[in-house]
Amino acid sequence: MASDYNTALIEEFRANNGKLGGQWANSNLVLVNTVGAKSGQVRTIPLAFLQQDDRIYIVGSAAGSESHPAWYFNLLANPDITYELGDDPVDASASLLEGEDRAAAWTDIVAALPFFGDYQTRVSREIPVFVLTPR
């Protein structure tokens, strides 16, 4: 279940075609609609992202937590998702990046969004990266 904060953020995002105010005014946020691994219910998560061509990269940092976020497990169990960048939802497949693919994406992500690099220094786990590819 989304927190009240996330619910308000999602509502503002959708009401303003992806444009946000306040602390999120100049941020790149995507709404990712997953299917719960256990519940089977659709869950919407606002996430920072990096876009390269038609690929969207999202990071399972959980704000620097030692645990993967719940949506990480949802994507592993149900990789067929939709995402929203402010217009119509896009059908996509989510793939967990590993090895050299993850390393290359991570370099680009940290260059664009340095706070993810800060999170990685605080945790012992390798922070996962997913690529969302339109279907």
C-alpha atoms as a PDB file:
ATOM      1  CA  MET A   1       0.000   0.000   0.000  1.00  0.00           C
ATOM      2  CA  ALA A   2       1.373   3.382  -0.966  1.00  0.00           C
ATOM      3  CA  SER A   3       2.184   5.853   1.763  1.00  0.00           C
ATOM      4  CA  ASP A   4       0.101   9.029   1.984  1.00  0.00           C
ATOM      5  CA  TYR A   5       3.159  10.901   0.693  1.00  0.00           C
ATOM      6  CA  ASN A   6       3.486   8.663  -2.367  1.00  0.00           C
ATOM      7  CA  THR A   7      -0.269   8.760  -2.970  1.00  0.00           C
ATOM      8  CA  ALA A   8      -0.206  12.575  -3.045  1.00  0.00           C
ATOM      9  CA  LEU A   9       2.842  12.560  -5.326  1.00  0.00           C
ATOM     10  CA  ILE A  10       1.176  10.106  -7.731  1.00  0.00           C
ATOM     11  CA  GLU A  11      -2.023  12.168  -7.786  1.00  0.00           C
ATOM     12  CA  GLU A  12      -0.098  15.401  -8.494  1.00  0.00           C
ATOM     13  CA  PHE A  13       1.947  13.670 -11.212  1.00  0.00           C
ATOM     14  CA  ARG A  14      -1.164  12.368 -12.982  1.00  0.00           C
ATOM     15  CA  ALA A  15      -3.152  15.597 -12.580  1.00  0.00           C
ATOM     16  CA  ASN A  16      -0.343  17.670 -14.121  1.00  0.00           C
ATOM     17  CA  ASN A  17       0.775  15.369 -16.943  1.00  0.00           C
ATOM     18  CA  GLY A  18       3.977  14.397 -15.146  1.00  0.00           C
ATOM     19  CA  LYS A  19       4.903  17.865 -13.900  1.00  0.00           C
ATOM     20  CA  LEU A  20       5.564  18.254 -10.198  1.00  0.00           C
ATOM     21  CA  GLY A  21       6.131  21.198  -7.897  1.00  0.00           C
ATOM     22  CA  GLY A  22       8.010  21.712  -4.659  1.00  0.00           C
ATOM     23  CA  GLN A  23      11.135  19.636  -4.068  1.00  0.00           C
ATOM     24  CA  TRP A  24      10.316  17.503  -7.129  1.00  0.00           C
ATOM     25  CA  ALA A  25       9.940  20.430  -9.572  1.00  0.00           C
ATOM     26  CA  ASN A  26      13.056  19.662 -11.623  1.00  0.00           C
ATOM     27  CA  SER A  27      13.284  15.935 -10.966  1.00  0.00           C
ATOM     28  CA  ASN A  28      12.920  13.072 -13.394  1.00  0.00           C
ATOM     29  CA  LEU A  29      10.233  10.852 -11.903  1.00  0.00           C
ATOM     30  CA  VAL A  30       8.499   7.921 -13.513  1.00  0.00           C
ATOM     31  CA  LEU A  31       5.476   6.080 -12.187  1.00  0.00           C
ATOM     32  CA  VAL A  32       6.066   2.341 -12.391  1.00  0.00           C
ATOM     33  CA  ASN A  33       2.988   0.121 -12.191  1.00  0.00           C
ATOM     34  CA  THR A  34       3.939  -3.349 -10.977  1.00  0.00           C
ATOM     35  CA  VAL A  35       1.936  -6.421 -10.011  1.00  0.00           C
ATOM     36  CA  GLY A  36       2.513  -7.514  -6.427  1.00  0.00           C
ATOM     37  CA  ALA A  37       4.553 -10.721  -6.163  1.00  0.00           C
ATOM     38  CA  LYS A  38       2.361 -11.988  -3.313  1.00  0.00           C
ATOM     39  CA  SER A  39      -0.850  -9.971  -3.594  1.00  0.00           C
ATOM     40  CA  GLY A  40      -1.282  -9.908  -7.364  1.00  0.00           C
ATOM     41  CA  GLN A  41      -2.509  -6.314  -6.997  1.00  0.00           C
ATOM     42  CA  VAL A  42      -1.256  -3.418  -9.096  1.00  0.00           C
ATOM     43  CA  ARG A  43       1.154  -1.176  -7.194  1.00  0.00           C
ATOM     44  CA  THR A  44       2.297   2.245  -8.399  1.00  0.00           C
ATOM     45  CA  ILE A  45       5.690   3.531  -7.330  1.00  0.00           C
ATOM     46  CA  PRO A  46       7.187   6.963  -8.107  1.00  0.00           C
ATOM     47  CA  LEU A  47      10.888   6.536  -8.852  1.00  0.00           C
ATOM     48  CA  ALA A  48      13.804   8.638 -10.024  1.00  0.00           C
ATOM     49  CA  PHE A  49      15.055   7.430 -13.388  1.00  0.00           C
ATOM     50  CA  LEU A  50      17.576   7.863 -16.145  1.00  0.00           C
ATOM     51  CA  GLN A  51      16.378   7.719 -19.739  1.00  0.00           C
ATOM     52  CA  GLN A  52      18.619   6.759 -22.633  1.00  0.00           C
ATOM     53  CA  ASP A  53      16.875   6.501 -25.988  1.00  0.00           C
ATOM     54  CA  ASP A  54      13.744   4.403 -25.404  1.00  0.00           C
ATOM     55  CA  ARG A  55      15.103   2.717 -22.265  1.00  0.00           C
ATOM     56  CA  ILE A  56      14.267   3.781 -18.732  1.00  0.00           C
ATOM     57  CA  TYR A  57      16.682   2.818 -15.935  1.00  0.00           C
ATOM     58  CA  ILE A  58      15.403   2.562 -12.363  1.00  0.00           C
ATOM     59  CA  VAL A  59      17.399   1.856  -9.225  1.00  0.00           C
ATOM     60  CA  GLY A  60      16.398  -0.294  -6.245  1.00  0.00           C
ATOM     61  CA  SER A  61      18.167   1.844  -3.672  1.00  0.00           C
ATOM     62  CA  ALA A  62      15.362   2.020  -1.097  1.00  0.00           C
ATOM     63  CA  ALA A  63      16.958   5.368  -0.154  1.00  0.00           C
ATOM     64  CA  GLY A  64      20.139   3.645   0.965  1.00  0.00           C
ATOM     65  CA  SER A  65      18.498   0.841   2.950  1.00  0.00           C
ATOM     66  CA  GLU A  66      20.213  -2.519   3.473  1.00  0.00           C
ATOM     67  CA  SER A  67      17.112  -4.223   2.038  1.00  0.00           C
ATOM     68  CA  HIS A  68      15.786  -4.251  -1.492  1.00  0.00           C
ATOM     69  CA  PRO A  69      12.537  -2.316  -1.937  1.00  0.00           C
ATOM     70  CA  ALA A  70       9.320  -4.365  -2.212  1.00  0.00           C
ATOM     71  CA  TRP A  71       8.939  -3.415  -5.881  1.00  0.00           C
ATOM     72  CA  TYR A  72      12.233  -5.213  -6.638  1.00  0.00           C
ATOM     73  CA  PHE A  73      10.560  -8.539  -5.833  1.00  0.00           C
ATOM     74  CA  ASN A  74       7.444  -7.544  -7.783  1.00  0.00           C
ATOM     75  CA  LEU A  75       9.525  -6.913 -10.921  1.00  0.00           C
ATOM     76  CA  LEU A  76      11.371 -10.221 -10.574  1.00  0.00           C
ATOM     77  CA  ALA A  77       8.072 -12.107 -10.231  1.00  0.00           C
ATOM     78  CA  ASN A  78       6.118 -10.072 -12.801  1.00  0.00           C
ATOM     79  CA  PRO A  79       8.395  -8.262 -15.271  1.00  0.00           C
ATOM     80  CA  ASP A  80       5.558  -7.161 -17.582  1.00  0.00           C
ATOM     81  CA  ILE A  81       4.693  -3.679 -16.345  1.00  0.00           C
ATOM     82  CA  THR A  82       3.538  -0.257 -17.433  1.00  0.00           C
ATOM     83  CA  TYR A  83       5.236   3.039 -16.711  1.00  0.00           C
ATOM     84  CA  GLU A  84       4.103   6.644 -16.934  1.00  0.00           C
ATOM     85  CA  LEU A  85       6.175   9.664 -17.851  1.00  0.00           C
ATOM     86  CA  GLY A  86       3.232  12.032 -17.898  1.00  0.00           C
ATOM     87  CA  ASP A  87       1.354  10.819 -20.915  1.00  0.00           C
ATOM     88  CA  ASP A  88      -0.324   7.507 -21.668  1.00  0.00           C
ATOM     89  CA  PRO A  89       1.032   4.448 -19.861  1.00  0.00           C
ATOM     90  CA  VAL A  90       3.716   2.530 -21.765  1.00  0.00           C
ATOM     91  CA  ASP A  91       3.695  -1.274 -21.779  1.00  0.00           C
ATOM     92  CA  ALA A  92       7.194  -2.480 -20.975  1.00  0.00           C
ATOM     93  CA  SER A  93       9.321  -5.343 -19.772  1.00  0.00           C
ATOM     94  CA  ALA A  94      11.567  -4.919 -16.730  1.00  0.00           C
ATOM     95  CA  SER A  95      14.942  -6.662 -16.755  1.00  0.00           C
ATOM     96  CA  LEU A  96      17.409  -6.834 -13.895  1.00  0.00           C
ATOM     97  CA  LEU A  97      20.852  -5.831 -15.139  1.00  0.00           C
ATOM     98  CA  GLU A  98      23.869  -7.834 -14.083  1.00  0.00           C
ATOM     99  CA  GLY A  99      27.607  -7.874 -14.700  1.00  0.00           C
ATOM    100  CA  GLU A 100      28.961  -5.532 -17.337  1.00  0.00           C
ATOM    101  CA  ASP A 101      25.483  -4.329 -18.341  1.00  0.00           C
ATOM    102  CA  ARG A 102      24.773  -3.213 -14.773  1.00  0.00           C
ATOM    103  CA  ALA A 103      28.237  -1.658 -14.400  1.00  0.00           C
ATOM    104  CA  ALA A 104      27.844   0.403 -17.575  1.00  0.00           C
ATOM    105  CA  ALA A 105      24.362   1.574 -16.629  1.00  0.00           C
ATOM    106  CA  TRP A 106      25.485   2.315 -13.052  1.00  0.00           C
ATOM    107  CA  THR A 107      28.257   4.612 -14.286  1.00  0.00           C
ATOM    108  CA  ASP A 108      25.755   6.616 -16.326  1.00  0.00           C
ATOM    109  CA  ILE A 109      23.181   6.662 -13.512  1.00  0.00           C
ATOM    110  CA  VAL A 110      25.643   7.933 -10.899  1.00  0.00           C
ATOM    111  CA  ALA A 111      26.949  10.587 -13.312  1.00  0.00           C
ATOM    112  CA  ALA A 112      23.402  11.890 -13.799  1.00  0.00           C
ATOM    113  CA  LEU A 113      22.034  11.182 -10.302  1.00  0.00           C
ATOM    114  CA  PRO A 114      24.967  11.229  -7.848  1.00  0.00           C
ATOM    115  CA  PHE A 115      22.843  10.514  -4.782  1.00  0.00           C
ATOM    116  CA  PHE A 116      22.594   6.888  -5.943  1.00  0.00           C
ATOM    117  CA  GLY A 117      26.383   6.597  -5.641  1.00  0.00           C
ATOM    118  CA  ASP A 118      26.118   7.982  -2.113  1.00  0.00           C
ATOM    119  CA  TYR A 119      23.526   5.330  -1.267  1.00  0.00           C
ATOM    120  CA  GLN A 120      25.787   2.561  -2.591  1.00  0.00           C
ATOM    121  CA  THR A 121      28.622   3.635  -0.270  1.00  0.00           C
ATOM    122  CA  ARG A 122      26.288   3.198   2.731  1.00  0.00           C
ATOM    123  CA  VAL A 123      25.169  -0.375   2.064  1.00  0.00           C
ATOM    124  CA  SER A 124      26.839  -3.752   1.713  1.00  0.00           C
ATOM    125  CA  ARG A 125      24.427  -5.037  -0.945  1.00  0.00           C
ATOM    126  CA  GLU A 126      24.843  -4.218  -4.612  1.00  0.00           C
ATOM    127  CA  ILE A 127      22.017  -1.838  -5.412  1.00  0.00           C
ATOM    128  CA  PRO A 128      20.016  -3.349  -8.269  1.00  0.00           C
ATOM    129  CA  VAL A 129      19.338  -1.631 -11.584  1.00  0.00           C
ATOM    130  CA  PHE A 130      16.445  -2.485 -13.863  1.00  0.00           C
ATOM    131  CA  VAL A 131      15.932  -1.417 -17.441  1.00  0.00           C
ATOM    132  CA  LEU A 132      12.386  -0.860 -18.631  1.00  0.00           C
ATOM    133  CA  THR A 133      12.084  -1.580 -22.334  1.00  0.00           C
ATOM    134  CA  PRO A 134       8.872  -0.722 -24.185  1.00  0.00           C
ATOM    135  CA  ARG A 135       7.079  -3.701 -25.711  1.00  0.00           C
END
